[in-house]
Amino acid sequence: MNQKRISTIASIAVIMAVALILGVFYLISGDRAEEIDLGPEDNGRILNVSMGTVVIIKLPENPSTGYRWQYAVNENIAEVMDDNYIDPEDPIPGRGGTRMLKLRVAGSGEFAMDYGRPWENQPIDHFSVSFLCG
């Protein structure tokens, strides 16, 4: 092999080793987004968070009665990463489950949800959380 080819292979090996070391350091250091779990008791809460923080909201929901959590997303405040309904552990007809919403904080502001039937004008419940990014 010529000297230039050996030098190129060595450079690639060093770059790959550094990338591997940095990846392992990232996993070990815990330099991942913070996660905050919220429930009904956190309604109206103001959170001091960093941008990128993951917020998981779990609220009771009973879609078999027509009631669902509804919200509008301001992408300057939060990004919806996941939104799903979790069935109750006991599958009794008419029993409600849990709405789980996973957000990534994008900036300061309020995220609000209303619990109601889409065809009715007044919700029967409300949930909001405010993010203060500093």
C-alpha atoms as a PDB file:
ATOM      1  CA  MET A   1       0.000   0.000   0.000  1.00  0.00           C
ATOM      2  CA  ASN A   2       1.169   3.469  -0.664  1.00  0.00           C
ATOM      3  CA  GLN A   3       1.705   6.027   2.104  1.00  0.00           C
ATOM      4  CA  LYS A   4      -1.274   8.225   1.073  1.00  0.00           C
ATOM      5  CA  ARG A   5      -3.735   5.311   1.261  1.00  0.00           C
ATOM      6  CA  ILE A   6      -2.434   4.256   4.690  1.00  0.00           C
ATOM      7  CA  SER A   7      -2.795   7.852   5.903  1.00  0.00           C
ATOM      8  CA  THR A   8      -6.403   8.015   4.621  1.00  0.00           C
ATOM      9  CA  ILE A   9      -7.337   4.710   6.291  1.00  0.00           C
ATOM     10  CA  ALA A  10      -5.731   5.851   9.554  1.00  0.00           C
ATOM     11  CA  SER A  11      -7.649   9.145   9.422  1.00  0.00           C
ATOM     12  CA  ILE A  12     -10.950   7.339   8.874  1.00  0.00           C
ATOM     13  CA  ALA A  13     -10.187   4.975  11.779  1.00  0.00           C
ATOM     14  CA  VAL A  14      -9.432   7.916  14.100  1.00  0.00           C
ATOM     15  CA  ILE A  15     -12.657   9.723  13.084  1.00  0.00           C
ATOM     16  CA  MET A  16     -14.723   6.575  13.680  1.00  0.00           C
ATOM     17  CA  ALA A  17     -13.065   5.989  17.082  1.00  0.00           C
ATOM     18  CA  VAL A  18     -13.750   9.582  18.167  1.00  0.00           C
ATOM     19  CA  ALA A  19     -17.380   9.332  17.023  1.00  0.00           C
ATOM     20  CA  LEU A  20     -17.787   6.083  18.967  1.00  0.00           C
ATOM     21  CA  ILE A  21     -16.251   7.570  22.117  1.00  0.00           C
ATOM     22  CA  LEU A  22     -18.460  10.674  21.892  1.00  0.00           C
ATOM     23  CA  GLY A  23     -21.556   8.502  21.383  1.00  0.00           C
ATOM     24  CA  VAL A  24     -20.756   6.388  24.440  1.00  0.00           C
ATOM     25  CA  PHE A  25     -20.040   9.525  26.490  1.00  0.00           C
ATOM     26  CA  TYR A  26     -23.416  10.974  25.435  1.00  0.00           C
ATOM     27  CA  LEU A  27     -25.236   7.818  26.580  1.00  0.00           C
ATOM     28  CA  ILE A  28     -23.366   7.615  29.872  1.00  0.00           C
ATOM     29  CA  SER A  29     -23.492  11.324  30.707  1.00  0.00           C
ATOM     30  CA  GLY A  30     -27.290  11.445  30.729  1.00  0.00           C
ATOM     31  CA  ASP A  31     -27.209  14.467  28.432  1.00  0.00           C
ATOM     32  CA  ARG A  32     -30.702  13.668  27.231  1.00  0.00           C
ATOM     33  CA  ALA A  33     -33.867  15.712  27.378  1.00  0.00           C
ATOM     34  CA  GLU A  34     -35.436  15.932  30.806  1.00  0.00           C
ATOM     35  CA  GLU A  35     -38.822  14.207  31.169  1.00  0.00           C
ATOM     36  CA  ILE A  36     -41.620  15.534  33.366  1.00  0.00           C
ATOM     37  CA  ASP A  37     -44.791  13.520  34.087  1.00  0.00           C
ATOM     38  CA  LEU A  38     -47.996  15.468  34.719  1.00  0.00           C
ATOM     39  CA  GLY A  39     -51.507  14.454  35.751  1.00  0.00           C
ATOM     40  CA  PRO A  40     -54.807  16.117  36.693  1.00  0.00           C
ATOM     41  CA  GLU A  41     -53.304  17.454  39.937  1.00  0.00           C
ATOM     42  CA  ASP A  42     -50.849  19.553  37.871  1.00  0.00           C
ATOM     43  CA  ASN A  43     -53.570  21.663  36.234  1.00  0.00           C
ATOM     44  CA  GLY A  44     -52.480  25.311  36.119  1.00  0.00           C
ATOM     45  CA  ARG A  45     -48.874  24.513  36.990  1.00  0.00           C
ATOM     46  CA  ILE A  46     -46.053  26.768  35.781  1.00  0.00           C
ATOM     47  CA  LEU A  47     -42.885  24.861  34.875  1.00  0.00           C
ATOM     48  CA  ASN A  48     -39.397  26.329  34.575  1.00  0.00           C
ATOM     49  CA  VAL A  49     -37.971  24.139  31.815  1.00  0.00           C
ATOM     50  CA  SER A  50     -35.336  24.072  29.114  1.00  0.00           C
ATOM     51  CA  MET A  51     -36.290  23.979  25.469  1.00  0.00           C
ATOM     52  CA  GLY A  52     -36.411  20.338  24.415  1.00  0.00           C
ATOM     53  CA  THR A  53     -37.802  19.114  27.743  1.00  0.00           C
ATOM     54  CA  VAL A  54     -40.258  16.255  27.238  1.00  0.00           C
ATOM     55  CA  VAL A  55     -43.572  16.609  29.086  1.00  0.00           C
ATOM     56  CA  ILE A  56     -45.898  13.614  29.420  1.00  0.00           C
ATOM     57  CA  ILE A  57     -49.492  14.474  30.325  1.00  0.00           C
ATOM     58  CA  LYS A  58     -51.796  11.658  31.477  1.00  0.00           C
ATOM     59  CA  LEU A  59     -55.456  12.515  31.985  1.00  0.00           C
ATOM     60  CA  PRO A  60     -58.564  10.349  32.455  1.00  0.00           C
ATOM     61  CA  GLU A  61     -60.711  10.095  29.322  1.00  0.00           C
ATOM     62  CA  ASN A  62     -63.874   8.206  28.425  1.00  0.00           C
ATOM     63  CA  PRO A  63     -64.359   8.323  24.646  1.00  0.00           C
ATOM     64  CA  SER A  64     -67.218   5.790  24.783  1.00  0.00           C
ATOM     65  CA  THR A  65     -69.353   8.657  26.169  1.00  0.00           C
ATOM     66  CA  GLY A  66     -68.137  11.072  23.495  1.00  0.00           C
ATOM     67  CA  TYR A  67     -65.893  12.997  25.886  1.00  0.00           C
ATOM     68  CA  ARG A  68     -62.342  13.537  24.662  1.00  0.00           C
ATOM     69  CA  TRP A  69     -59.434  15.836  25.406  1.00  0.00           C
ATOM     70  CA  GLN A  70     -59.090  18.404  22.620  1.00  0.00           C
ATOM     71  CA  TYR A  71     -56.306  20.906  22.079  1.00  0.00           C
ATOM     72  CA  ALA A  72     -54.726  23.220  19.541  1.00  0.00           C
ATOM     73  CA  VAL A  73     -50.956  23.204  19.177  1.00  0.00           C
ATOM     74  CA  ASN A  74     -48.855  26.342  18.932  1.00  0.00           C
ATOM     75  CA  GLU A  75     -45.597  24.970  17.492  1.00  0.00           C
ATOM     76  CA  ASN A  76     -43.693  27.879  19.077  1.00  0.00           C
ATOM     77  CA  ILE A  77     -44.633  26.461  22.501  1.00  0.00           C
ATOM     78  CA  ALA A  78     -44.766  22.676  22.091  1.00  0.00           C
ATOM     79  CA  GLU A  79     -44.426  19.879  19.563  1.00  0.00           C
ATOM     80  CA  VAL A  80     -46.679  16.825  19.946  1.00  0.00           C
ATOM     81  CA  MET A  81     -44.469  13.737  19.878  1.00  0.00           C
ATOM     82  CA  ASP A  82     -47.201  11.217  20.699  1.00  0.00           C
ATOM     83  CA  ASP A  83     -50.928  11.254  21.439  1.00  0.00           C
ATOM     84  CA  ASN A  84     -52.737   8.057  22.278  1.00  0.00           C
ATOM     85  CA  TYR A  85     -55.529   6.575  24.330  1.00  0.00           C
ATOM     86  CA  ILE A  86     -54.670   3.841  26.829  1.00  0.00           C
ATOM     87  CA  ASP A  87     -57.465   1.367  27.547  1.00  0.00           C
ATOM     88  CA  PRO A  88     -58.347   0.678  31.190  1.00  0.00           C
ATOM     89  CA  GLU A  89     -56.801  -2.371  32.835  1.00  0.00           C
ATOM     90  CA  ASP A  90     -60.282  -3.783  33.507  1.00  0.00           C
ATOM     91  CA  PRO A  91     -62.147  -3.801  30.179  1.00  0.00           C
ATOM     92  CA  ILE A  92     -65.568  -3.124  31.728  1.00  0.00           C
ATOM     93  CA  PRO A  93     -67.971  -1.611  29.154  1.00  0.00           C
ATOM     94  CA  GLY A  94     -68.218   2.150  29.613  1.00  0.00           C
ATOM     95  CA  ARG A  95     -65.143   2.428  31.814  1.00  0.00           C
ATOM     96  CA  GLY A  96     -62.753   5.173  30.811  1.00  0.00           C
ATOM     97  CA  GLY A  97     -59.042   4.976  30.260  1.00  0.00           C
ATOM     98  CA  THR A  98     -56.226   7.499  29.981  1.00  0.00           C
ATOM     99  CA  ARG A  99     -55.218  10.035  27.350  1.00  0.00           C
ATOM    100  CA  MET A 100     -51.418  10.170  27.163  1.00  0.00           C
ATOM    101  CA  LEU A 101     -49.910  13.145  25.404  1.00  0.00           C
ATOM    102  CA  LYS A 102     -46.149  13.484  24.963  1.00  0.00           C
ATOM    103  CA  LEU A 103     -44.866  16.980  24.192  1.00  0.00           C
ATOM    104  CA  ARG A 104     -41.460  18.493  23.495  1.00  0.00           C
ATOM    105  CA  VAL A 105     -41.197  22.058  24.809  1.00  0.00           C
ATOM    106  CA  ALA A 106     -40.297  24.508  22.032  1.00  0.00           C
ATOM    107  CA  GLY A 107     -40.643  27.799  23.933  1.00  0.00           C
ATOM    108  CA  SER A 108     -42.383  29.734  26.679  1.00  0.00           C
ATOM    109  CA  GLY A 109     -46.178  29.848  26.769  1.00  0.00           C
ATOM    110  CA  GLU A 110     -49.306  27.983  27.788  1.00  0.00           C
ATOM    111  CA  PHE A 111     -50.484  24.599  26.538  1.00  0.00           C
ATOM    112  CA  ALA A 112     -54.198  24.050  27.201  1.00  0.00           C
ATOM    113  CA  MET A 113     -56.666  21.208  26.697  1.00  0.00           C
ATOM    114  CA  ASP A 114     -60.463  21.037  27.025  1.00  0.00           C
ATOM    115  CA  TYR A 115     -62.449  17.924  27.893  1.00  0.00           C
ATOM    116  CA  GLY A 116     -65.774  17.739  26.149  1.00  0.00           C
ATOM    117  CA  ARG A 117     -67.840  16.439  23.313  1.00  0.00           C
ATOM    118  CA  PRO A 118     -66.994  17.925  19.908  1.00  0.00           C
ATOM    119  CA  TRP A 119     -70.667  18.682  19.175  1.00  0.00           C
ATOM    120  CA  GLU A 120     -71.234  20.575  22.435  1.00  0.00           C
ATOM    121  CA  ASN A 121     -70.138  24.174  22.987  1.00  0.00           C
ATOM    122  CA  GLN A 122     -69.013  23.935  26.609  1.00  0.00           C
ATOM    123  CA  PRO A 123     -66.247  21.638  27.844  1.00  0.00           C
ATOM    124  CA  ILE A 124     -66.775  20.003  31.240  1.00  0.00           C
ATOM    125  CA  ASP A 125     -63.103  20.159  32.243  1.00  0.00           C
ATOM    126  CA  HIS A 126     -59.949  22.074  31.402  1.00  0.00           C
ATOM    127  CA  PHE A 127     -56.238  21.389  31.822  1.00  0.00           C
ATOM    128  CA  SER A 128     -53.382  23.800  31.213  1.00  0.00           C
ATOM    129  CA  VAL A 129     -49.683  24.022  31.924  1.00  0.00           C
ATOM    130  CA  SER A 130     -47.354  26.949  31.293  1.00  0.00           C
ATOM    131  CA  PHE A 131     -43.742  26.630  30.238  1.00  0.00           C
ATOM    132  CA  LEU A 132     -41.096  29.213  31.159  1.00  0.00           C
ATOM    133  CA  CYS A 133     -37.933  28.594  29.183  1.00  0.00           C
ATOM    134  CA  GLY A 134     -34.862  30.254  30.573  1.00  0.00           C
END
